Amino acid sequence: MAWALATAGVADVGEAFEAVADASTGRLASAPFVVDRPTLEFLLGGGRHPGRAEVRLMNGGQIVRRATGRQQERLRRVRWDVSDLQGKSVTVEVVDEATGPWGHILFDDLRLTGSRAIP
């Protein structure tokens, strides 16, 4: 899967994810892909900033799912039921527009699976 990175004052992807300053901001977006399985899952951590530091599933320019951190560095598994989107083209965005305490998001291991979604 291809990703595009848009950052404010960050030189490269490695630096964007290793930066310890909560003042850094940026956005990472996947290339479009077709949903061909009922569950989208990933690992998520970082600050709780809905709308400002979150993972978004986009369809037709609209946010159809979103998740944010829980003020923890430990990554937790998030599973979304995407059965209603099967056959549709979507993108995933990792957004960090938050600054200050817990102004970051951690993201890893994105995959479509046949696993059951966890609410």
C-alpha atoms as a PDB file:
ATOM      1  CA  MET A   1       0.000   0.000   0.000  1.00  0.00           C
ATOM      2  CA  ALA A   2       1.365   3.442  -0.912  1.00  0.00           C
ATOM      3  CA  TRP A   3       1.281   6.392   1.482  1.00  0.00           C
ATOM      4  CA  ALA A   4       1.636  10.138   0.986  1.00  0.00           C
ATOM      5  CA  LEU A   5       2.990  12.341   3.767  1.00  0.00           C
ATOM      6  CA  ALA A   6       2.174  15.995   4.396  1.00  0.00           C
ATOM      7  CA  THR A   7       3.998  17.538   7.348  1.00  0.00           C
ATOM      8  CA  ALA A   8       4.626  20.890   8.930  1.00  0.00           C
ATOM      9  CA  GLY A   9       8.372  21.285   9.477  1.00  0.00           C
ATOM     10  CA  VAL A  10       9.319  17.597   9.396  1.00  0.00           C
ATOM     11  CA  ALA A  11      11.920  16.364   6.917  1.00  0.00           C
ATOM     12  CA  ASP A  12      10.925  12.725   6.359  1.00  0.00           C
ATOM     13  CA  VAL A  13       8.636   9.905   7.461  1.00  0.00           C
ATOM     14  CA  GLY A  14      11.166   8.470   9.920  1.00  0.00           C
ATOM     15  CA  GLU A  15      11.615  11.802  11.615  1.00  0.00           C
ATOM     16  CA  ALA A  16       7.830  12.360  11.670  1.00  0.00           C
ATOM     17  CA  PHE A  17       7.263   9.193  13.667  1.00  0.00           C
ATOM     18  CA  GLU A  18      10.329   9.425  15.895  1.00  0.00           C
ATOM     19  CA  ALA A  19       9.883  13.045  16.865  1.00  0.00           C
ATOM     20  CA  VAL A  20       9.243  13.329  20.581  1.00  0.00           C
ATOM     21  CA  ALA A  21       8.001  16.903  20.495  1.00  0.00           C
ATOM     22  CA  ASP A  22       4.209  16.986  20.730  1.00  0.00           C
ATOM     23  CA  ALA A  23       4.363  20.239  18.756  1.00  0.00           C
ATOM     24  CA  SER A  24       4.996  18.403  15.453  1.00  0.00           C
ATOM     25  CA  THR A  25       1.961  18.033  13.202  1.00  0.00           C
ATOM     26  CA  GLY A  26       1.245  16.214   9.962  1.00  0.00           C
ATOM     27  CA  ARG A  27      -1.009  13.960   7.957  1.00  0.00           C
ATOM     28  CA  LEU A  28      -0.345  10.582   6.356  1.00  0.00           C
ATOM     29  CA  ALA A  29      -2.774   9.259   3.733  1.00  0.00           C
ATOM     30  CA  SER A  30      -2.913   5.880   2.027  1.00  0.00           C
ATOM     31  CA  ALA A  31      -3.421   5.368  -1.658  1.00  0.00           C
ATOM     32  CA  PRO A  32      -7.018   4.397  -2.443  1.00  0.00           C
ATOM     33  CA  PHE A  33      -7.785   0.693  -2.002  1.00  0.00           C
ATOM     34  CA  VAL A  34     -10.884  -1.460  -2.440  1.00  0.00           C
ATOM     35  CA  VAL A  35     -12.441  -3.004   0.656  1.00  0.00           C
ATOM     36  CA  ASP A  36     -12.532  -6.737  -0.061  1.00  0.00           C
ATOM     37  CA  ARG A  37     -12.916  -8.149   3.460  1.00  0.00           C
ATOM     38  CA  PRO A  38     -15.364  -7.386   6.281  1.00  0.00           C
ATOM     39  CA  THR A  39     -12.920  -6.020   8.877  1.00  0.00           C
ATOM     40  CA  LEU A  40     -10.253  -3.316   8.844  1.00  0.00           C
ATOM     41  CA  GLU A  41      -7.845  -3.496  11.764  1.00  0.00           C
ATOM     42  CA  PHE A  42      -4.773  -1.631  12.986  1.00  0.00           C
ATOM     43  CA  LEU A  43      -2.791  -0.754  16.094  1.00  0.00           C
ATOM     44  CA  LEU A  44      -3.405   2.654  17.682  1.00  0.00           C
ATOM     45  CA  GLY A  45      -1.932   4.642  20.568  1.00  0.00           C
ATOM     46  CA  GLY A  46      -1.139   8.189  21.616  1.00  0.00           C
ATOM     47  CA  GLY A  47      -3.222  11.138  22.725  1.00  0.00           C
ATOM     48  CA  ARG A  48      -7.001  11.396  22.962  1.00  0.00           C
ATOM     49  CA  HIS A  49      -7.799  14.309  20.650  1.00  0.00           C
ATOM     50  CA  PRO A  50     -10.913  13.503  18.585  1.00  0.00           C
ATOM     51  CA  GLY A  51     -10.886  15.461  15.342  1.00  0.00           C
ATOM     52  CA  ARG A  52      -7.252  16.530  15.819  1.00  0.00           C
ATOM     53  CA  ALA A  53      -5.201  13.346  16.376  1.00  0.00           C
ATOM     54  CA  GLU A  54      -6.939  10.322  14.934  1.00  0.00           C
ATOM     55  CA  VAL A  55      -7.116   7.622  12.287  1.00  0.00           C
ATOM     56  CA  ARG A  56      -9.831   8.198   9.703  1.00  0.00           C
ATOM     57  CA  LEU A  57     -11.381   5.906   7.128  1.00  0.00           C
ATOM     58  CA  MET A  58     -12.467   8.005   4.165  1.00  0.00           C
ATOM     59  CA  ASN A  59     -15.002   7.135   1.455  1.00  0.00           C
ATOM     60  CA  GLY A  60     -15.943   9.629  -1.238  1.00  0.00           C
ATOM     61  CA  GLY A  61     -14.256  12.455   0.680  1.00  0.00           C
ATOM     62  CA  GLN A  62     -16.320  11.731   3.802  1.00  0.00           C
ATOM     63  CA  ILE A  63     -15.113  10.384   7.149  1.00  0.00           C
ATOM     64  CA  VAL A  64     -16.918   7.063   7.660  1.00  0.00           C
ATOM     65  CA  ARG A  65     -14.933   5.756  10.673  1.00  0.00           C
ATOM     66  CA  ARG A  66     -12.568   7.403  13.136  1.00  0.00           C
ATOM     67  CA  ALA A  67     -10.543   6.416  16.182  1.00  0.00           C
ATOM     68  CA  THR A  68      -8.256   8.309  18.534  1.00  0.00           C
ATOM     69  CA  GLY A  69      -5.793   7.359  21.260  1.00  0.00           C
ATOM     70  CA  ARG A  70      -6.425   6.825  24.953  1.00  0.00           C
ATOM     71  CA  GLN A  71      -3.534   8.823  26.440  1.00  0.00           C
ATOM     72  CA  GLN A  72      -1.330   5.702  26.289  1.00  0.00           C
ATOM     73  CA  GLU A  73       1.846   4.870  24.403  1.00  0.00           C
ATOM     74  CA  ARG A  74       0.875   1.188  24.423  1.00  0.00           C
ATOM     75  CA  LEU A  75      -0.692   0.244  21.105  1.00  0.00           C
ATOM     76  CA  ARG A  76      -4.127  -1.364  21.164  1.00  0.00           C
ATOM     77  CA  ARG A  77      -5.812  -3.311  18.367  1.00  0.00           C
ATOM     78  CA  VAL A  78      -8.739  -1.498  16.739  1.00  0.00           C
ATOM     79  CA  ARG A  79     -11.138  -3.449  14.507  1.00  0.00           C
ATOM     80  CA  TRP A  80     -13.806  -1.822  12.391  1.00  0.00           C
ATOM     81  CA  ASP A  81     -16.688  -3.614  10.710  1.00  0.00           C
ATOM     82  CA  VAL A  82     -16.410  -2.384   7.122  1.00  0.00           C
ATOM     83  CA  SER A  83     -18.796  -4.914   5.577  1.00  0.00           C
ATOM     84  CA  ASP A  84     -21.025  -2.027   4.469  1.00  0.00           C
ATOM     85  CA  LEU A  85     -18.094  -0.694   2.405  1.00  0.00           C
ATOM     86  CA  GLN A  86     -17.131  -3.929   0.610  1.00  0.00           C
ATOM     87  CA  GLY A  87     -16.406  -3.257  -3.053  1.00  0.00           C
ATOM     88  CA  LYS A  88     -15.885   0.465  -2.420  1.00  0.00           C
ATOM     89  CA  SER A  89     -12.673   2.465  -2.759  1.00  0.00           C
ATOM     90  CA  VAL A  90     -11.470   4.002   0.517  1.00  0.00           C
ATOM     91  CA  THR A  91      -8.396   5.670   1.993  1.00  0.00           C
ATOM     92  CA  VAL A  92      -6.962   5.735   5.503  1.00  0.00           C
ATOM     93  CA  GLU A  93      -5.673   8.999   6.965  1.00  0.00           C
ATOM     94  CA  VAL A  94      -3.504   9.319  10.062  1.00  0.00           C
ATOM     95  CA  VAL A  95      -4.019  12.882  11.249  1.00  0.00           C
ATOM     96  CA  ASP A  96      -1.985  14.768  13.853  1.00  0.00           C
ATOM     97  CA  GLU A  97      -3.136  18.354  14.182  1.00  0.00           C
ATOM     98  CA  ALA A  98      -2.830  18.354  17.984  1.00  0.00           C
ATOM     99  CA  THR A  99      -0.063  20.114  19.876  1.00  0.00           C
ATOM    100  CA  GLY A 100       0.752  20.200  23.560  1.00  0.00           C
ATOM    101  CA  PRO A 101       0.449  17.313  26.018  1.00  0.00           C
ATOM    102  CA  TRP A 102      -0.306  14.018  24.280  1.00  0.00           C
ATOM    103  CA  GLY A 103      -0.273  15.858  20.942  1.00  0.00           C
ATOM    104  CA  HIS A 104       0.675  12.791  18.904  1.00  0.00           C
ATOM    105  CA  ILE A 105      -0.766   9.592  17.464  1.00  0.00           C
ATOM    106  CA  LEU A 106       0.815   6.150  17.065  1.00  0.00           C
ATOM    107  CA  PHE A 107      -0.298   3.862  14.210  1.00  0.00           C
ATOM    108  CA  ASP A 108       0.839   0.484  12.871  1.00  0.00           C
ATOM    109  CA  ASP A 109      -0.167  -2.820  11.246  1.00  0.00           C
ATOM    110  CA  LEU A 110      -3.086  -1.809   9.011  1.00  0.00           C
ATOM    111  CA  ARG A 111      -4.821  -4.775   7.388  1.00  0.00           C
ATOM    112  CA  LEU A 112      -8.123  -5.997   5.973  1.00  0.00           C
ATOM    113  CA  THR A 113      -9.168  -9.301   7.566  1.00  0.00           C
ATOM    114  CA  GLY A 114     -12.032 -11.685   7.950  1.00  0.00           C
ATOM    115  CA  SER A 115     -11.944 -11.196  11.744  1.00  0.00           C
ATOM    116  CA  ARG A 116     -14.952 -10.071  13.743  1.00  0.00           C
ATOM    117  CA  ALA A 117     -15.016  -6.335  14.609  1.00  0.00           C
ATOM    118  CA  ILE A 118     -14.521  -5.259  18.239  1.00  0.00           C
ATOM    119  CA  PRO A 119     -16.774  -2.380  19.355  1.00  0.00           C
END
